[in-house]
Structure formats: structure tokens, C-alpha cells
Amino acid sequence: MDYLASFELTPTIQAIHATPHRLVYAFAGAGALALHWLHAVAGSSRTLLEARDCYAPRALAEIAAGSGAGAVSGETARAMAVWARQRAARLAEGDWPLLGVSCTAAIATDRARRGAERTFVAVCGAGGGKLYALEMIKGQRDRASQEEIVSRLVVLAIARGCEVSAAEPGLGEGERLEITDW
């Protein structure tokens, strides 16, 4: 599945790598395939400065310190994206347009979860940011399918942050995607 998706996304990812943008990507809960796909297309070393998987609660707290919100929330995604952009500014060598990209998600798991299966992706650039909020229907997709749609959403958000056109991920019946500026 991930190889097919990366093949379909290759033109978009090539276009991302062709822009002057540099980014740091922080994610928690899902979104790892997006990193794989970005690296699977030549040129990722021009785009990615660093990626951080914040799976442990303390790792996430270091990045989203002070958000005061739950791990999977728009507020946390925004805090992570701001941190990632600040990190990009410390790592970038040269005068590049910088992005902080984040993803925090609650997807299918092997334990009981009371809350919704959802994700928040945020992109922070020089002129502000965008927040992508995706609500999935519990039990409609398996974990691998949820990881794929979340990662497609991350690639979409990065593409738009780099001013590259990209198709929205295919949503299932009842799934909702809201995009807001911040």
C-alpha cells in the first residue's frame, strides 16, 4: 500500500523538493508514512532539515510545551508546528523559506479508546499557518488505511505550504476535513 501511494504522490513530492522551502516535521500518533514517502523521492535532503517522532508523552510535551490541550488537538498541532518552524530557523543554513510541519493523531489501536479517531496537521510559515483537521469514522478504516490517509494529508499540507498544487486525500463516507488559517 505505501509503495503504491508513494508512486502516486511522486510528482507532488518532486515538486515539493524542487521548491526552495526547508522544513522540520514533528509528528505523534501517525504520519510516519509521509516521512517515508518524502525520503523515497530523490531530493529530500534539500527539503527536510529534521523529523521528530514524538511518541512518548514526554517527547510530545517538550515540543508542545504550554499548549495546555490534549495530545490530539488543533492547539497541540499548532504548538508543534511553531516549535518545528523555530527549529528549522536554527538548523537552516542560508536564507530559505522555512516551514514547521506537525501532525498529531489518534488512529485505530489495539486497546479501547473513548475518543474519536482524528488527526490535526499544522503548517507554520513566515506569514502564519494552516490547520487541517480530519475526523474519521471509528471502524471504517483499519490502522494501515488510517496511517495512509493521515500521511497523504501531511503531504498535501506540505505541498500547499510550498505553494505546490496537490489533491486532497480521498475521504471515506462521513469523514470530514476542515482547513482553517491561523
N, C-alpha and C. Protein backbone atom coordinates (compact mmCIF):
# COMPACT_ATOMS: atom_id res chain seq x y z
N MET A 1 0.82 -1.19 0.00
CA MET A 1 0.00 0.00 0.00
C MET A 1 0.87 1.25 0.00
N ASP A 2 1.87 1.36 0.88
CA ASP A 2 2.65 2.59 0.94
C ASP A 2 3.48 2.80 -0.32
N TYR A 3 3.90 1.74 -1.00
CA TYR A 3 4.66 1.91 -2.23
C TYR A 3 3.77 2.45 -3.34
N LEU A 4 2.54 1.97 -3.43
CA LEU A 4 1.59 2.48 -4.41
C LEU A 4 1.33 3.96 -4.16
N ALA A 5 1.08 4.32 -2.90
CA ALA A 5 0.80 5.72 -2.57
C ALA A 5 2.00 6.60 -2.90
N SER A 6 3.20 6.14 -2.58
CA SER A 6 4.37 6.98 -2.86
C SER A 6 4.54 7.15 -4.37
N PHE A 7 4.20 6.11 -5.14
CA PHE A 7 4.27 6.22 -6.60
C PHE A 7 3.27 7.28 -7.09
N GLU A 8 2.04 7.23 -6.58
CA GLU A 8 1.02 8.20 -6.96
C GLU A 8 1.40 9.61 -6.54
N LEU A 9 2.10 9.74 -5.44
CA LEU A 9 2.47 11.04 -4.90
C LEU A 9 3.80 11.56 -5.42
N THR A 10 4.50 10.76 -6.20
CA THR A 10 5.84 11.15 -6.67
C THR A 10 5.86 12.52 -7.35
N PRO A 11 4.97 12.83 -8.28
CA PRO A 11 5.03 14.16 -8.91
C PRO A 11 4.86 15.30 -7.90
N THR A 12 3.97 15.13 -6.94
CA THR A 12 3.77 16.16 -5.91
C THR A 12 5.03 16.31 -5.07
N ILE A 13 5.61 15.19 -4.66
CA ILE A 13 6.79 15.25 -3.81
C ILE A 13 7.99 15.79 -4.59
N GLN A 14 8.11 15.45 -5.86
CA GLN A 14 9.17 16.04 -6.69
C GLN A 14 9.01 17.55 -6.74
N ALA A 15 7.78 18.02 -6.89
CA ALA A 15 7.51 19.46 -6.93
C ALA A 15 7.86 20.12 -5.60
N ILE A 16 7.56 19.45 -4.49
CA ILE A 16 7.94 19.97 -3.17
C ILE A 16 9.45 20.11 -3.09
N HIS A 17 10.17 19.07 -3.47
CA HIS A 17 11.64 19.08 -3.39
C HIS A 17 12.25 20.12 -4.33
N ALA A 18 11.54 20.50 -5.37
CA ALA A 18 12.04 21.49 -6.32
C ALA A 18 11.88 22.92 -5.82
N THR A 19 11.10 23.13 -4.76
CA THR A 19 10.94 24.48 -4.21
C THR A 19 12.12 24.79 -3.30
N PRO A 20 12.30 26.06 -2.95
CA PRO A 20 13.40 26.42 -2.04
C PRO A 20 13.07 26.19 -0.57
N HIS A 21 11.87 25.73 -0.25
CA HIS A 21 11.44 25.57 1.14
C HIS A 21 12.26 24.52 1.87
N ARG A 22 12.52 24.81 3.14
CA ARG A 22 13.17 23.87 4.05
C ARG A 22 12.22 23.70 5.23
N LEU A 23 12.16 22.50 5.79
CA LEU A 23 11.20 22.27 6.87
C LEU A 23 11.70 21.30 7.91
N VAL A 24 11.07 21.42 9.07
CA VAL A 24 11.19 20.44 10.14
C VAL A 24 9.80 19.87 10.34
N TYR A 25 9.73 18.55 10.49
CA TYR A 25 8.46 17.84 10.62
C TYR A 25 8.44 17.10 11.96
N ALA A 26 7.43 17.38 12.79
CA ALA A 26 7.24 16.70 14.07
C ALA A 26 5.88 16.01 14.03
N PHE A 27 5.86 14.75 14.46
CA PHE A 27 4.60 14.01 14.42
C PHE A 27 4.44 13.11 15.62
N ALA A 28 3.17 12.82 15.93
CA ALA A 28 2.83 11.96 17.08
C ALA A 28 1.59 11.16 16.73
N GLY A 29 1.66 9.85 16.89
CA GLY A 29 0.50 9.00 16.71
C GLY A 29 0.31 8.44 15.32
N ALA A 30 0.65 9.20 14.30
CA ALA A 30 0.57 8.77 12.90
C ALA A 30 1.31 9.80 12.07
N GLY A 31 1.45 9.50 10.78
CA GLY A 31 2.14 10.42 9.88
C GLY A 31 3.54 9.98 9.50
N ALA A 32 3.94 8.80 9.95
CA ALA A 32 5.29 8.31 9.64
C ALA A 32 5.45 7.97 8.16
N LEU A 33 4.38 7.52 7.51
CA LEU A 33 4.49 7.20 6.09
C LEU A 33 4.84 8.44 5.27
N ALA A 34 4.36 9.60 5.69
CA ALA A 34 4.68 10.84 4.97
C ALA A 34 6.19 11.04 4.93
N LEU A 35 6.85 10.79 6.04
CA LEU A 35 8.31 10.92 6.08
C LEU A 35 8.95 9.90 5.15
N HIS A 36 8.47 8.68 5.18
CA HIS A 36 8.98 7.64 4.28
C HIS A 36 8.82 8.08 2.82
N TRP A 37 7.63 8.57 2.46
CA TRP A 37 7.39 8.98 1.08
C TRP A 37 8.27 10.15 0.67
N LEU A 38 8.46 11.12 1.57
CA LEU A 38 9.33 12.26 1.25
C LEU A 38 10.76 11.78 0.98
N HIS A 39 11.23 10.84 1.79
CA HIS A 39 12.58 10.31 1.60
C HIS A 39 12.68 9.37 0.40
N ALA A 40 11.58 8.77 -0.02
CA ALA A 40 11.59 7.81 -1.13
C ALA A 40 11.76 8.50 -2.48
N VAL A 41 11.60 9.81 -2.51
CA VAL A 41 11.75 10.59 -3.75
C VAL A 41 13.04 11.39 -3.63
N ALA A 42 13.90 11.27 -4.61
CA ALA A 42 15.18 11.98 -4.60
C ALA A 42 14.98 13.47 -4.38
N GLY A 43 15.83 14.04 -3.55
CA GLY A 43 15.77 15.46 -3.27
C GLY A 43 15.34 15.80 -1.86
N SER A 44 15.05 14.80 -1.05
CA SER A 44 14.55 15.07 0.31
C SER A 44 15.57 15.82 1.15
N SER A 45 16.86 15.63 0.87
CA SER A 45 17.87 16.34 1.67
C SER A 45 17.83 17.85 1.43
N ARG A 46 17.22 18.29 0.33
CA ARG A 46 17.04 19.72 0.10
C ARG A 46 15.86 20.26 0.90
N THR A 47 14.90 19.42 1.20
CA THR A 47 13.66 19.85 1.83
C THR A 47 13.66 19.65 3.33
N LEU A 48 13.99 18.46 3.77
CA LEU A 48 13.88 18.10 5.19
C LEU A 48 15.16 18.44 5.96
N LEU A 49 15.00 19.25 6.99
CA LEU A 49 16.12 19.54 7.88
C LEU A 49 16.16 18.54 9.03
N GLU A 50 14.97 18.14 9.48
CA GLU A 50 14.87 17.21 10.62
C GLU A 50 13.44 16.71 10.70
N ALA A 51 13.28 15.51 11.22
CA ALA A 51 11.96 14.97 11.53
C ALA A 51 12.03 14.36 12.92
N ARG A 52 10.95 14.52 13.65
CA ARG A 52 10.92 14.02 15.02
C ARG A 52 9.61 13.29 15.28
N ASP A 53 9.71 12.03 15.71
CA ASP A 53 8.56 11.21 16.08
C ASP A 53 8.40 11.31 17.59
N CYS A 54 7.35 11.98 18.01
CA CYS A 54 7.11 12.26 19.44
C CYS A 54 6.10 11.28 20.01
N TYR A 55 6.46 10.02 20.08
CA TYR A 55 5.51 9.02 20.51
C TYR A 55 5.32 9.00 22.02
N ALA A 56 6.38 9.19 22.77
CA ALA A 56 6.26 9.21 24.23
C ALA A 56 5.63 10.53 24.67
N PRO A 57 4.77 10.49 25.68
CA PRO A 57 4.14 11.72 26.15
C PRO A 57 5.15 12.82 26.52
N ARG A 58 6.27 12.45 27.11
CA ARG A 58 7.28 13.46 27.46
C ARG A 58 7.91 14.08 26.22
N ALA A 59 8.09 13.30 25.17
CA ALA A 59 8.65 13.83 23.92
C ALA A 59 7.70 14.86 23.33
N LEU A 60 6.41 14.55 23.34
CA LEU A 60 5.42 15.49 22.83
C LEU A 60 5.36 16.74 23.71
N ALA A 61 5.43 16.55 25.02
CA ALA A 61 5.37 17.69 25.95
C ALA A 61 6.54 18.65 25.73
N GLU A 62 7.71 18.13 25.38
CA GLU A 62 8.86 19.01 25.10
C GLU A 62 8.58 19.93 23.92
N ILE A 63 7.89 19.42 22.94
CA ILE A 63 7.65 20.19 21.71
C ILE A 63 6.41 21.07 21.83
N ALA A 64 5.37 20.56 22.47
CA ALA A 64 4.12 21.31 22.57
C ALA A 64 3.95 21.92 23.95
N ALA A 65 5.05 22.21 24.62
CA ALA A 65 5.01 22.75 25.97
C ALA A 65 4.12 23.97 26.03
N GLY A 66 3.27 23.98 27.02
CA GLY A 66 2.42 25.13 27.25
C GLY A 66 1.15 25.17 26.42
N SER A 67 0.91 24.16 25.56
CA SER A 67 -0.31 24.21 24.76
C SER A 67 -1.53 24.03 25.66
N GLY A 68 -1.38 23.27 26.73
CA GLY A 68 -2.48 23.08 27.66
C GLY A 68 -3.61 22.23 27.13
N ALA A 69 -3.48 21.75 25.94
CA ALA A 69 -4.54 20.95 25.33
C ALA A 69 -4.17 19.48 25.35
N GLY A 70 -5.09 18.64 24.95
CA GLY A 70 -4.81 17.21 24.85
C GLY A 70 -3.80 16.94 23.75
N ALA A 71 -3.26 15.73 23.74
CA ALA A 71 -2.22 15.37 22.77
C ALA A 71 -2.72 15.49 21.34
N VAL A 72 -3.98 15.16 21.10
CA VAL A 72 -4.53 15.20 19.74
C VAL A 72 -5.54 16.34 19.68
N SER A 73 -5.03 17.52 19.36
CA SER A 73 -5.88 18.71 19.29
C SER A 73 -5.26 19.71 18.32
N GLY A 74 -6.08 20.61 17.85
CA GLY A 74 -5.59 21.66 16.97
C GLY A 74 -4.57 22.53 17.67
N GLU A 75 -4.81 22.83 18.94
CA GLU A 75 -3.88 23.67 19.71
C GLU A 75 -2.50 23.00 19.81
N THR A 76 -2.49 21.71 20.08
CA THR A 76 -1.21 20.99 20.17
C THR A 76 -0.52 20.96 18.81
N ALA A 77 -1.27 20.70 17.74
CA ALA A 77 -0.67 20.69 16.40
C ALA A 77 -0.06 22.06 16.07
N ARG A 78 -0.75 23.13 16.42
CA ARG A 78 -0.20 24.47 16.16
C ARG A 78 1.07 24.70 16.96
N ALA A 79 1.07 24.32 18.24
CA ALA A 79 2.26 24.48 19.08
C ALA A 79 3.43 23.68 18.51
N MET A 80 3.15 22.48 18.05
CA MET A 80 4.20 21.65 17.45
C MET A 80 4.75 22.30 16.18
N ALA A 81 3.87 22.86 15.35
CA ALA A 81 4.30 23.48 14.10
C ALA A 81 5.14 24.73 14.38
N VAL A 82 4.76 25.51 15.38
CA VAL A 82 5.56 26.69 15.76
C VAL A 82 6.94 26.24 16.22
N TRP A 83 6.97 25.21 17.08
CA TRP A 83 8.26 24.68 17.53
C TRP A 83 9.10 24.23 16.33
N ALA A 84 8.46 23.51 15.40
CA ALA A 84 9.19 22.98 14.24
C ALA A 84 9.74 24.12 13.38
N ARG A 85 8.99 25.19 13.21
CA ARG A 85 9.50 26.32 12.42
C ARG A 85 10.67 27.00 13.13
N GLN A 86 10.57 27.14 14.43
CA GLN A 86 11.69 27.71 15.19
C GLN A 86 12.92 26.82 15.09
N ARG A 87 12.70 25.53 15.12
CA ARG A 87 13.81 24.57 14.96
C ARG A 87 14.42 24.69 13.57
N ALA A 88 13.58 24.83 12.55
CA ALA A 88 14.06 25.00 11.18
C ALA A 88 14.93 26.25 11.07
N ALA A 89 14.53 27.31 11.75
CA ALA A 89 15.32 28.55 11.72
C ALA A 89 16.70 28.35 12.33
N ARG A 90 16.79 27.48 13.35
CA ARG A 90 18.09 27.21 13.97
C ARG A 90 18.96 26.29 13.10
N LEU A 91 18.32 25.43 12.31
CA LEU A 91 19.07 24.45 11.52
C LEU A 91 19.41 24.91 10.11
N ALA A 92 18.62 25.78 9.55
CA ALA A 92 18.79 26.17 8.14
C ALA A 92 20.09 26.95 7.96
N GLU A 93 20.77 26.62 6.91
CA GLU A 93 21.97 27.36 6.52
C GLU A 93 21.62 28.09 5.23
N GLY A 94 21.51 29.39 5.31
CA GLY A 94 21.12 30.18 4.15
C GLY A 94 19.78 30.84 4.38
N ASP A 95 19.37 31.60 3.42
CA ASP A 95 18.12 32.36 3.51
C ASP A 95 17.03 31.65 2.73
N TRP A 96 16.42 30.66 3.35
CA TRP A 96 15.40 29.85 2.71
C TRP A 96 14.03 30.15 3.30
N PRO A 97 12.96 29.96 2.54
CA PRO A 97 11.63 29.99 3.16
C PRO A 97 11.50 28.75 4.05
N LEU A 98 11.08 28.97 5.29
CA LEU A 98 11.05 27.88 6.27
C LEU A 98 9.62 27.52 6.66
N LEU A 99 9.42 26.23 6.89
CA LEU A 99 8.13 25.72 7.35
C LEU A 99 8.34 24.84 8.57
N GLY A 100 7.41 24.94 9.50
CA GLY A 100 7.28 23.98 10.59
C GLY A 100 6.03 23.17 10.31
N VAL A 101 6.15 21.86 10.28
CA VAL A 101 5.02 20.99 9.93
C VAL A 101 4.81 20.02 11.09
N SER A 102 3.55 19.82 11.45
CA SER A 102 3.27 18.89 12.54
C SER A 102 2.04 18.04 12.22
N CYS A 103 2.00 16.91 12.89
CA CYS A 103 0.86 16.00 12.79
C CYS A 103 0.68 15.35 14.15
N THR A 104 -0.52 15.39 14.67
CA THR A 104 -0.85 14.65 15.88
C THR A 104 -2.15 13.90 15.61
N ALA A 105 -2.16 12.62 15.93
CA ALA A 105 -3.29 11.79 15.50
C ALA A 105 -3.63 10.71 16.52
N ALA A 106 -4.90 10.37 16.55
CA ALA A 106 -5.40 9.21 17.28
C ALA A 106 -6.05 8.32 16.23
N ILE A 107 -5.41 7.19 15.96
CA ILE A 107 -5.94 6.26 14.97
C ILE A 107 -6.21 4.91 15.63
N ALA A 108 -6.72 3.96 14.86
CA ALA A 108 -7.09 2.64 15.39
C ALA A 108 -5.95 2.06 16.21
N THR A 109 -6.32 1.44 17.31
CA THR A 109 -5.33 0.87 18.22
C THR A 109 -5.82 -0.49 18.72
N ASP A 110 -4.96 -1.18 19.47
CA ASP A 110 -5.34 -2.49 20.00
C ASP A 110 -5.91 -2.40 21.41
N ARG A 111 -6.21 -1.19 21.86
CA ARG A 111 -6.84 -1.01 23.17
C ARG A 111 -8.09 -0.14 23.00
N ALA A 112 -8.92 -0.14 24.00
CA ALA A 112 -10.16 0.65 23.93
C ALA A 112 -9.84 2.14 23.99
N ARG A 113 -10.46 2.90 23.11
CA ARG A 113 -10.32 4.36 23.14
C ARG A 113 -11.72 4.95 23.13
N ARG A 114 -11.93 5.90 24.04
CA ARG A 114 -13.25 6.54 24.12
C ARG A 114 -13.43 7.60 23.05
N GLY A 115 -12.37 8.30 22.71
CA GLY A 115 -12.47 9.44 21.80
C GLY A 115 -12.53 9.05 20.34
N ALA A 116 -12.66 10.07 19.53
CA ALA A 116 -12.74 9.91 18.08
C ALA A 116 -11.39 9.56 17.47
N GLU A 117 -11.44 9.00 16.28
CA GLU A 117 -10.23 8.77 15.50
C GLU A 117 -10.08 9.98 14.61
N ARG A 118 -9.02 10.76 14.87
CA ARG A 118 -8.87 12.04 14.20
C ARG A 118 -7.41 12.43 14.13
N THR A 119 -7.16 13.44 13.31
CA THR A 119 -5.81 13.97 13.20
C THR A 119 -5.85 15.47 12.98
N PHE A 120 -4.79 16.12 13.39
CA PHE A 120 -4.60 17.54 13.15
C PHE A 120 -3.21 17.70 12.56
N VAL A 121 -3.15 18.36 11.42
CA VAL A 121 -1.88 18.67 10.76
C VAL A 121 -1.80 20.19 10.70
N ALA A 122 -0.65 20.73 11.07
CA ALA A 122 -0.46 22.18 11.04
C ALA A 122 0.81 22.51 10.28
N VAL A 123 0.76 23.63 9.58
CA VAL A 123 1.93 24.15 8.86
C VAL A 123 2.10 25.59 9.28
N CYS A 124 3.29 25.92 9.76
CA CYS A 124 3.61 27.27 10.19
C CYS A 124 4.68 27.84 9.27
N GLY A 125 4.36 28.94 8.59
CA GLY A 125 5.30 29.62 7.72
C GLY A 125 5.51 31.05 8.20
N ALA A 126 6.22 31.83 7.42
CA ALA A 126 6.51 33.20 7.80
C ALA A 126 5.25 34.05 7.93
N GLY A 127 4.25 33.76 7.11
CA GLY A 127 3.04 34.58 7.10
C GLY A 127 1.89 34.00 7.89
N GLY A 128 2.12 33.07 8.79
CA GLY A 128 1.04 32.45 9.55
C GLY A 128 0.98 30.96 9.30
N GLY A 129 -0.19 30.41 9.49
CA GLY A 129 -0.28 28.96 9.34
C GLY A 129 -1.63 28.48 8.89
N LYS A 130 -1.68 27.17 8.63
CA LYS A 130 -2.92 26.49 8.27
C LYS A 130 -3.04 25.26 9.16
N LEU A 131 -4.28 24.99 9.55
CA LEU A 131 -4.58 23.81 10.34
C LEU A 131 -5.55 22.94 9.56
N TYR A 132 -5.20 21.66 9.43
CA TYR A 132 -6.02 20.67 8.74
C TYR A 132 -6.55 19.72 9.82
N ALA A 133 -7.86 19.65 9.97
CA ALA A 133 -8.48 18.79 10.97
C ALA A 133 -9.28 17.71 10.25
N LEU A 134 -8.91 16.47 10.46
CA LEU A 134 -9.56 15.34 9.81
C LEU A 134 -10.23 14.46 10.86
N GLU A 135 -11.52 14.26 10.71
CA GLU A 135 -12.27 13.36 11.59
C GLU A 135 -12.62 12.12 10.80
N MET A 136 -12.23 10.96 11.33
CA MET A 136 -12.52 9.69 10.68
C MET A 136 -13.63 8.97 11.43
N ILE A 137 -14.27 8.03 10.78
CA ILE A 137 -15.33 7.24 11.39
C ILE A 137 -14.69 6.00 12.01
N LYS A 138 -14.91 5.82 13.31
CA LYS A 138 -14.34 4.66 14.00
C LYS A 138 -14.76 3.37 13.33
N GLY A 139 -13.78 2.50 13.06
CA GLY A 139 -14.05 1.19 12.49
C GLY A 139 -14.23 1.18 10.98
N GLN A 140 -14.25 2.34 10.34
CA GLN A 140 -14.42 2.39 8.89
C GLN A 140 -13.13 2.03 8.16
N ARG A 141 -12.02 2.37 8.75
CA ARG A 141 -10.70 2.07 8.16
C ARG A 141 -9.88 1.30 9.17
N ASP A 142 -9.01 0.42 8.69
CA ASP A 142 -8.08 -0.23 9.60
C ASP A 142 -6.91 0.73 9.86
N ARG A 143 -6.02 0.35 10.77
CA ARG A 143 -4.92 1.23 11.16
C ARG A 143 -4.04 1.62 9.97
N ALA A 144 -3.71 0.65 9.12
CA ALA A 144 -2.84 0.95 7.96
C ALA A 144 -3.50 1.95 7.03
N SER A 145 -4.79 1.81 6.80
CA SER A 145 -5.52 2.74 5.94
C SER A 145 -5.58 4.13 6.57
N GLN A 146 -5.76 4.18 7.89
CA GLN A 146 -5.76 5.47 8.58
C GLN A 146 -4.39 6.13 8.50
N GLU A 147 -3.33 5.35 8.70
CA GLU A 147 -1.97 5.90 8.57
C GLU A 147 -1.77 6.47 7.17
N GLU A 148 -2.27 5.78 6.17
CA GLU A 148 -2.11 6.26 4.80
C GLU A 148 -2.83 7.58 4.57
N ILE A 149 -4.09 7.69 5.00
CA ILE A 149 -4.81 8.94 4.75
C ILE A 149 -4.21 10.10 5.55
N VAL A 150 -3.77 9.82 6.77
CA VAL A 150 -3.12 10.86 7.57
C VAL A 150 -1.84 11.33 6.87
N SER A 151 -1.05 10.40 6.38
CA SER A 151 0.20 10.75 5.70
C SER A 151 -0.05 11.48 4.38
N ARG A 152 -1.11 11.10 3.68
CA ARG A 152 -1.49 11.85 2.47
C ARG A 152 -1.85 13.29 2.83
N LEU A 153 -2.53 13.47 3.96
CA LEU A 153 -2.88 14.80 4.42
C LEU A 153 -1.63 15.61 4.75
N VAL A 154 -0.64 14.98 5.36
CA VAL A 154 0.62 15.66 5.66
C VAL A 154 1.30 16.12 4.37
N VAL A 155 1.35 15.25 3.37
CA VAL A 155 1.96 15.62 2.08
C VAL A 155 1.19 16.78 1.45
N LEU A 156 -0.14 16.73 1.51
CA LEU A 156 -0.96 17.83 0.99
C LEU A 156 -0.61 19.14 1.70
N ALA A 157 -0.53 19.10 3.02
CA ALA A 157 -0.23 20.31 3.80
C ALA A 157 1.15 20.86 3.46
N ILE A 158 2.13 19.98 3.33
CA ILE A 158 3.48 20.42 2.95
C ILE A 158 3.45 21.03 1.56
N ALA A 159 2.78 20.36 0.63
CA ALA A 159 2.70 20.87 -0.74
C ALA A 159 2.11 22.27 -0.75
N ARG A 160 1.00 22.45 -0.08
CA ARG A 160 0.38 23.77 -0.07
C ARG A 160 1.26 24.79 0.64
N GLY A 161 1.98 24.38 1.66
CA GLY A 161 2.91 25.28 2.33
C GLY A 161 4.04 25.71 1.41
N CYS A 162 4.39 24.84 0.48
CA CYS A 162 5.44 25.13 -0.52
C CYS A 162 4.86 25.74 -1.78
N GLU A 163 3.57 26.04 -1.78
CA GLU A 163 2.86 26.62 -2.92
C GLU A 163 2.86 25.70 -4.14
N VAL A 164 2.69 24.42 -3.85
CA VAL A 164 2.60 23.38 -4.88
C VAL A 164 1.17 22.85 -4.84
N SER A 165 0.56 22.68 -6.00
CA SER A 165 -0.81 22.15 -6.01
C SER A 165 -0.77 20.66 -5.70
N ALA A 166 -1.78 20.23 -4.98
CA ALA A 166 -1.88 18.82 -4.60
C ALA A 166 -3.33 18.47 -4.36
N ALA A 167 -3.68 17.25 -4.70
CA ALA A 167 -5.05 16.78 -4.50
C ALA A 167 -5.28 16.45 -3.03
N GLU A 168 -6.50 16.69 -2.58
CA GLU A 168 -6.86 16.32 -1.21
C GLU A 168 -6.94 14.80 -1.13
N PRO A 169 -6.67 14.25 0.06
CA PRO A 169 -6.76 12.79 0.19
C PRO A 169 -8.20 12.34 0.00
N GLY A 170 -8.37 11.15 -0.52
CA GLY A 170 -9.72 10.62 -0.71
C GLY A 170 -10.37 10.30 0.62
N LEU A 171 -11.45 10.99 0.91
CA LEU A 171 -12.14 10.77 2.18
C LEU A 171 -13.21 9.70 2.01
N GLY A 172 -13.41 8.95 3.07
CA GLY A 172 -14.47 7.96 3.09
C GLY A 172 -15.79 8.60 3.47
N GLU A 173 -16.85 7.84 3.34
CA GLU A 173 -18.19 8.33 3.67
C GLU A 173 -18.23 8.78 5.13
N GLY A 174 -18.69 9.99 5.35
CA GLY A 174 -18.83 10.52 6.70
C GLY A 174 -17.57 11.17 7.27
N GLU A 175 -16.43 11.00 6.61
CA GLU A 175 -15.21 11.64 7.09
C GLU A 175 -15.24 13.12 6.72
N ARG A 176 -14.66 13.95 7.59
CA ARG A 176 -14.67 15.39 7.38
C ARG A 176 -13.26 15.96 7.48
N LEU A 177 -12.96 16.88 6.56
CA LEU A 177 -11.71 17.61 6.59
C LEU A 177 -12.03 19.09 6.63
N GLU A 178 -11.53 19.77 7.65
CA GLU A 178 -11.69 21.22 7.76
C GLU A 178 -10.29 21.84 7.70
N ILE A 179 -10.18 22.92 6.92
CA ILE A 179 -8.92 23.63 6.78
C ILE A 179 -9.16 25.07 7.21
N THR A 180 -8.36 25.53 8.17
CA THR A 180 -8.50 26.90 8.66
C THR A 180 -7.15 27.58 8.72
N ASP A 181 -7.18 28.90 8.56
CA ASP A 181 -5.97 29.72 8.72
C ASP A 181 -5.81 30.05 10.20
N TRP A 182 -4.55 30.27 10.60
CA TRP A 182 -4.29 30.74 11.97
C TRP A 182 -3.08 31.65 11.96
